[in-house]
Amino acid sequence: MKEHVTHQDRITVARNGKPGDRITLINDTLVSRRIGVAKGKFTVKGDFDAENSEIEDMLTGDAP
């Protein structure tokens, strides 16, 4: 198998010389720049985290 990697926006995956799938770059923004992008744009009413322990118990099998 021959591998050669360069910077490009899409990669075509081929089998037996026939193109099968294409992998495309969707977003090249760093994650650290995306975190907090909606800060201050909406508000959550009430105690959003009030049922975290109950949900965790259901997901881990510790619920009664």
PDB file of N, CA and C in Angstrom:
ATOM      1  N   MET A   1       0.842  -1.171   0.000  1.00  0.00           N
ATOM      2  CA  MET A   1       0.000   0.000   0.000  1.00  0.00           C
ATOM      3  C   MET A   1       0.889   1.236   0.000  1.00  0.00           C
ATOM      4  N   LYS A   2       0.605   2.154  -0.862  1.00  0.00           N
ATOM      5  CA  LYS A   2       1.367   3.385  -0.967  1.00  0.00           C
ATOM      6  C   LYS A   2       0.636   4.486  -0.206  1.00  0.00           C
ATOM      7  N   GLU A   3       1.361   5.188   0.672  1.00  0.00           N
ATOM      8  CA  GLU A   3       0.761   6.266   1.437  1.00  0.00           C
ATOM      9  C   GLU A   3       1.555   7.538   1.228  1.00  0.00           C
ATOM     10  N   HIS A   4       0.847   8.597   0.972  1.00  0.00           N
ATOM     11  CA  HIS A   4       1.478   9.908   0.830  1.00  0.00           C
ATOM     12  C   HIS A   4       0.488  10.925   1.368  1.00  0.00           C
ATOM     13  N   VAL A   5       0.913  11.671   2.376  1.00  0.00           N
ATOM     14  CA  VAL A   5       0.009  12.610   3.022  1.00  0.00           C
ATOM     15  C   VAL A   5       0.470  14.034   2.748  1.00  0.00           C
ATOM     16  N   THR A   6      -0.450  14.837   2.269  1.00  0.00           N
ATOM     17  CA  THR A   6      -0.209  16.259   2.078  1.00  0.00           C
ATOM     18  C   THR A   6      -1.420  17.006   2.613  1.00  0.00           C
ATOM     19  N   HIS A   7      -1.305  18.300   2.751  1.00  0.00           N
ATOM     20  CA  HIS A   7      -2.448  19.099   3.194  1.00  0.00           C
ATOM     21  C   HIS A   7      -3.387  19.300   2.006  1.00  0.00           C
ATOM     22  N   GLN A   8      -4.608  18.825   2.171  1.00  0.00           N
ATOM     23  CA  GLN A   8      -5.607  19.025   1.135  1.00  0.00           C
ATOM     24  C   GLN A   8      -6.987  19.026   1.773  1.00  0.00           C
ATOM     25  N   ASP A   9      -7.974  19.524   1.062  1.00  0.00           N
ATOM     26  CA  ASP A   9      -9.318  19.647   1.599  1.00  0.00           C
ATOM     27  C   ASP A   9     -10.148  18.380   1.482  1.00  0.00           C
ATOM     28  N   ARG A  10      -9.712  17.438   0.646  1.00  0.00           N
ATOM     29  CA  ARG A  10     -10.452  16.182   0.537  1.00  0.00           C
ATOM     30  C   ARG A  10      -9.513  15.033   0.187  1.00  0.00           C
ATOM     31  N   ILE A  11      -9.940  13.858   0.602  1.00  0.00           N
ATOM     32  CA  ILE A  11      -9.182  12.636   0.333  1.00  0.00           C
ATOM     33  C   ILE A  11     -10.156  11.648  -0.292  1.00  0.00           C
ATOM     34  N   THR A  12      -9.758  11.002  -1.364  1.00  0.00           N
ATOM     35  CA  THR A  12     -10.585   9.975  -1.984  1.00  0.00           C
ATOM     36  C   THR A  12     -10.018   8.612  -1.617  1.00  0.00           C
ATOM     37  N   VAL A  13     -10.877   7.750  -1.108  1.00  0.00           N
ATOM     38  CA  VAL A  13     -10.490   6.397  -0.737  1.00  0.00           C
ATOM     39  C   VAL A  13     -10.878   5.486  -1.893  1.00  0.00           C
ATOM     40  N   ALA A  14      -9.909   4.710  -2.378  1.00  0.00           N
ATOM     41  CA  ALA A  14     -10.163   3.849  -3.533  1.00  0.00           C
ATOM     42  C   ALA A  14      -9.851   2.401  -3.212  1.00  0.00           C
ATOM     43  N   ARG A  15     -10.541   1.515  -3.887  1.00  0.00           N
ATOM     44  CA  ARG A  15     -10.279   0.075  -3.775  1.00  0.00           C
ATOM     45  C   ARG A  15     -10.164  -0.469  -5.186  1.00  0.00           C
ATOM     46  N   ASN A  16      -9.090  -1.186  -5.423  1.00  0.00           N
ATOM     47  CA  ASN A  16      -8.824  -1.738  -6.750  1.00  0.00           C
ATOM     48  C   ASN A  16      -8.821  -0.653  -7.827  1.00  0.00           C
ATOM     49  N   GLY A  17      -8.342   0.524  -7.465  1.00  0.00           N
ATOM     50  CA  GLY A  17      -8.234   1.610  -8.423  1.00  0.00           C
ATOM     51  C   GLY A  17      -9.518   2.364  -8.700  1.00  0.00           C
ATOM     52  N   LYS A  18     -10.606   1.979  -8.025  1.00  0.00           N
ATOM     53  CA  LYS A  18     -11.887   2.655  -8.241  1.00  0.00           C
ATOM     54  C   LYS A  18     -12.227   3.496  -7.012  1.00  0.00           C
ATOM     55  N   PRO A  19     -12.554   4.786  -7.219  1.00  0.00           N
ATOM     56  CA  PRO A  19     -12.892   5.630  -6.074  1.00  0.00           C
ATOM     57  C   PRO A  19     -14.166   5.149  -5.400  1.00  0.00           C
ATOM     58  N   GLY A  20     -14.122   5.118  -4.068  1.00  0.00           N
ATOM     59  CA  GLY A  20     -15.278   4.641  -3.321  1.00  0.00           C
ATOM     60  C   GLY A  20     -15.869   5.699  -2.418  1.00  0.00           C
ATOM     61  N   ASP A  21     -15.050   6.263  -1.561  1.00  0.00           N
ATOM     62  CA  ASP A  21     -15.517   7.265  -0.610  1.00  0.00           C
ATOM     63  C   ASP A  21     -14.650   8.500  -0.695  1.00  0.00           C
ATOM     64  N   ARG A  22     -15.221   9.602  -0.268  1.00  0.00           N
ATOM     65  CA  ARG A  22     -14.463  10.851  -0.218  1.00  0.00           C
ATOM     66  C   ARG A  22     -14.567  11.418   1.193  1.00  0.00           C
ATOM     67  N   ILE A  23     -13.449  11.745   1.770  1.00  0.00           N
ATOM     68  CA  ILE A  23     -13.398  12.371   3.085  1.00  0.00           C
ATOM     69  C   ILE A  23     -13.112  13.847   2.844  1.00  0.00           C
ATOM     70  N   THR A  24     -13.982  14.702   3.356  1.00  0.00           N
ATOM     71  CA  THR A  24     -13.877  16.132   3.088  1.00  0.00           C
ATOM     72  C   THR A  24     -13.685  16.903   4.386  1.00  0.00           C
ATOM     73  N   LEU A  25     -12.835  17.901   4.352  1.00  0.00           N
ATOM     74  CA  LEU A  25     -12.627  18.794   5.480  1.00  0.00           C
ATOM     75  C   LEU A  25     -13.877  19.628   5.682  1.00  0.00           C
ATOM     76  N   ILE A  26     -14.430  19.579   6.877  1.00  0.00           N
ATOM     77  CA  ILE A  26     -15.654  20.317   7.154  1.00  0.00           C
ATOM     78  C   ILE A  26     -15.342  21.664   7.807  1.00  0.00           C
ATOM     79  N   ASN A  27     -14.523  21.633   8.852  1.00  0.00           N
ATOM     80  CA  ASN A  27     -14.251  22.854   9.588  1.00  0.00           C
ATOM     81  C   ASN A  27     -12.811  22.823  10.064  1.00  0.00           C
ATOM     82  N   ASP A  28     -12.047  23.811   9.691  1.00  0.00           N
ATOM     83  CA  ASP A  28     -10.653  23.830  10.108  1.00  0.00           C
ATOM     84  C   ASP A  28     -10.398  24.795  11.260  1.00  0.00           C
ATOM     85  N   THR A  29     -11.479  25.238  11.947  1.00  0.00           N
ATOM     86  CA  THR A  29     -11.348  26.118  13.104  1.00  0.00           C
ATOM     87  C   THR A  29     -10.889  25.307  14.307  1.00  0.00           C
ATOM     88  N   LEU A  30      -9.945  25.814  15.030  1.00  0.00           N
ATOM     89  CA  LEU A  30      -9.459  25.132  16.219  1.00  0.00           C
ATOM     90  C   LEU A  30     -10.577  25.011  17.248  1.00  0.00           C
ATOM     91  N   VAL A  31     -10.597  23.913  17.988  1.00  0.00           N
ATOM     92  CA  VAL A  31     -11.632  23.678  18.986  1.00  0.00           C
ATOM     93  C   VAL A  31     -11.641  24.794  20.020  1.00  0.00           C
ATOM     94  N   SER A  32     -10.471  25.250  20.442  1.00  0.00           N
ATOM     95  CA  SER A  32     -10.416  26.284  21.470  1.00  0.00           C
ATOM     96  C   SER A  32     -11.102  27.572  21.024  1.00  0.00           C
ATOM     97  N   ARG A  33     -11.198  27.812  19.750  1.00  0.00           N
ATOM     98  CA  ARG A  33     -11.885  29.001  19.258  1.00  0.00           C
ATOM     99  C   ARG A  33     -13.398  28.801  19.166  1.00  0.00           C
ATOM    100  N   ARG A  34     -13.849  27.540  19.114  1.00  0.00           N
ATOM    101  CA  ARG A  34     -15.282  27.260  19.030  1.00  0.00           C
ATOM    102  C   ARG A  34     -15.936  27.252  20.404  1.00  0.00           C
ATOM    103  N   ILE A  35     -15.191  26.861  21.448  1.00  0.00           N
ATOM    104  CA  ILE A  35     -15.752  26.767  22.795  1.00  0.00           C
ATOM    105  C   ILE A  35     -16.150  28.161  23.254  1.00  0.00           C
ATOM    106  N   GLY A  36     -17.382  28.293  23.698  1.00  0.00           N
ATOM    107  CA  GLY A  36     -17.860  29.573  24.196  1.00  0.00           C
ATOM    108  C   GLY A  36     -18.369  30.518  23.122  1.00  0.00           C
ATOM    109  N   VAL A  37     -18.508  30.031  21.908  1.00  0.00           N
ATOM    110  CA  VAL A  37     -18.938  30.903  20.816  1.00  0.00           C
ATOM    111  C   VAL A  37     -20.356  31.453  21.036  1.00  0.00           C
ATOM    112  N   ALA A  38     -21.201  30.730  21.779  1.00  0.00           N
ATOM    113  CA  ALA A  38     -22.571  31.187  22.019  1.00  0.00           C
ATOM    114  C   ALA A  38     -22.725  31.864  23.378  1.00  0.00           C
ATOM    115  N   LYS A  39     -21.629  32.110  24.070  1.00  0.00           N
ATOM    116  CA  LYS A  39     -21.693  32.718  25.405  1.00  0.00           C
ATOM    117  C   LYS A  39     -22.419  34.060  25.339  1.00  0.00           C
ATOM    118  N   GLY A  40     -23.441  34.196  26.208  1.00  0.00           N
ATOM    119  CA  GLY A  40     -24.192  35.437  26.276  1.00  0.00           C
ATOM    120  C   GLY A  40     -25.302  35.564  25.246  1.00  0.00           C
ATOM    121  N   LYS A  41     -25.476  34.580  24.388  1.00  0.00           N
ATOM    122  CA  LYS A  41     -26.492  34.671  23.338  1.00  0.00           C
ATOM    123  C   LYS A  41     -27.839  34.077  23.750  1.00  0.00           C
ATOM    124  N   PHE A  42     -27.853  33.305  24.849  1.00  0.00           N
ATOM    125  CA  PHE A  42     -29.108  32.766  25.348  1.00  0.00           C
ATOM    126  C   PHE A  42     -28.984  32.518  26.846  1.00  0.00           C
ATOM    127  N   THR A  43     -30.115  32.353  27.503  1.00  0.00           N
ATOM    128  CA  THR A  43     -30.113  32.078  28.939  1.00  0.00           C
ATOM    129  C   THR A  43     -30.896  30.792  29.194  1.00  0.00           C
ATOM    130  N   VAL A  44     -30.530  30.102  30.251  1.00  0.00           N
ATOM    131  CA  VAL A  44     -31.210  28.878  30.669  1.00  0.00           C
ATOM    132  C   VAL A  44     -31.929  29.189  31.966  1.00  0.00           C
ATOM    133  N   LYS A  45     -33.223  28.985  31.976  1.00  0.00           N
ATOM    134  CA  LYS A  45     -34.012  29.291  33.169  1.00  0.00           C
ATOM    135  C   LYS A  45     -34.010  28.100  34.114  1.00  0.00           C
ATOM    136  N   GLY A  46     -34.043  28.377  35.385  1.00  0.00           N
ATOM    137  CA  GLY A  46     -34.076  27.334  36.395  1.00  0.00           C
ATOM    138  C   GLY A  46     -32.692  26.753  36.645  1.00  0.00           C
ATOM    139  N   ASP A  47     -32.661  25.652  37.385  1.00  0.00           N
ATOM    140  CA  ASP A  47     -31.399  24.997  37.712  1.00  0.00           C
ATOM    141  C   ASP A  47     -31.162  23.876  36.708  1.00  0.00           C
ATOM    142  N   PHE A  48     -30.421  24.170  35.672  1.00  0.00           N
ATOM    143  CA  PHE A  48     -30.172  23.235  34.580  1.00  0.00           C
ATOM    144  C   PHE A  48     -29.499  21.960  35.059  1.00  0.00           C
ATOM    145  N   ASP A  49     -28.649  22.043  36.064  1.00  0.00           N
ATOM    146  CA  ASP A  49     -27.880  20.896  36.549  1.00  0.00           C
ATOM    147  C   ASP A  49     -28.532  20.184  37.729  1.00  0.00           C
ATOM    148  N   ALA A  50     -29.773  20.497  38.048  1.00  0.00           N
ATOM    149  CA  ALA A  50     -30.422  19.961  39.246  1.00  0.00           C
ATOM    150  C   ALA A  50     -30.525  18.435  39.243  1.00  0.00           C
ATOM    151  N   GLU A  51     -30.718  17.816  38.095  1.00  0.00           N
ATOM    152  CA  GLU A  51     -30.951  16.369  38.055  1.00  0.00           C
ATOM    153  C   GLU A  51     -29.737  15.588  37.560  1.00  0.00           C
ATOM    154  N   ASN A  52     -28.555  16.187  37.559  1.00  0.00           N
ATOM    155  CA  ASN A  52     -27.358  15.501  37.066  1.00  0.00           C
ATOM    156  C   ASN A  52     -27.082  14.190  37.780  1.00  0.00           C
ATOM    157  N   SER A  53     -27.199  14.165  39.108  1.00  0.00           N
ATOM    158  CA  SER A  53     -26.895  12.931  39.846  1.00  0.00           C
ATOM    159  C   SER A  53     -27.915  11.838  39.524  1.00  0.00           C
ATOM    160  N   GLU A  54     -29.183  12.211  39.353  1.00  0.00           N
ATOM    161  CA  GLU A  54     -30.212  11.227  39.008  1.00  0.00           C
ATOM    162  C   GLU A  54     -29.962  10.639  37.618  1.00  0.00           C
ATOM    163  N   ILE A  55     -29.613  11.475  36.664  1.00  0.00           N
ATOM    164  CA  ILE A  55     -29.302  11.018  35.307  1.00  0.00           C
ATOM    165  C   ILE A  55     -28.072  10.137  35.320  1.00  0.00           C
ATOM    166  N   GLU A  56     -27.058  10.529  36.066  1.00  0.00           N
ATOM    167  CA  GLU A  56     -25.853   9.710  36.168  1.00  0.00           C
ATOM    168  C   GLU A  56     -26.160   8.332  36.733  1.00  0.00           C
ATOM    169  N   ASP A  57     -27.025   8.276  37.766  1.00  0.00           N
ATOM    170  CA  ASP A  57     -27.412   6.996  38.337  1.00  0.00           C
ATOM    171  C   ASP A  57     -28.133   6.109  37.312  1.00  0.00           C
ATOM    172  N   MET A  58     -28.984   6.709  36.469  1.00  0.00           N
ATOM    173  CA  MET A  58     -29.693   5.936  35.453  1.00  0.00           C
ATOM    174  C   MET A  58     -28.717   5.388  34.417  1.00  0.00           C
ATOM    175  N   LEU A  59     -27.720   6.177  34.049  1.00  0.00           N
ATOM    176  CA  LEU A  59     -26.770   5.757  33.015  1.00  0.00           C
ATOM    177  C   LEU A  59     -25.753   4.736  33.516  1.00  0.00           C
ATOM    178  N   THR A  60     -25.464   4.752  34.799  1.00  0.00           N
ATOM    179  CA  THR A  60     -24.476   3.824  35.346  1.00  0.00           C
ATOM    180  C   THR A  60     -25.108   2.592  35.970  1.00  0.00           C
ATOM    181  N   GLY A  61     -26.445   2.537  36.002  1.00  0.00           N
ATOM    182  CA  GLY A  61     -27.115   1.358  36.538  1.00  0.00           C
ATOM    183  C   GLY A  61     -27.314   1.421  38.046  1.00  0.00           C
ATOM    184  N   ASP A  62     -27.116   2.564  38.653  1.00  0.00           N
ATOM    185  CA  ASP A  62     -27.269   2.708  40.101  1.00  0.00           C
ATOM    186  C   ASP A  62     -28.646   3.197  40.488  1.00  0.00           C
ATOM    187  N   ALA A  63     -29.553   3.372  39.526  1.00  0.00           N
ATOM    188  CA  ALA A  63     -30.900   3.868  39.826  1.00  0.00           C
ATOM    189  C   ALA A  63     -31.705   2.791  40.535  1.00  0.00           C
ATOM    190  N   PRO A  64     -32.590   3.209  41.438  1.00  0.00           N
ATOM    191  CA  PRO A  64     -33.424   2.219  42.181  1.00  0.00           C
ATOM    192  C   PRO A  64     -34.409   1.507  41.284  1.00  0.00           C
TER     193      PRO A  64
END
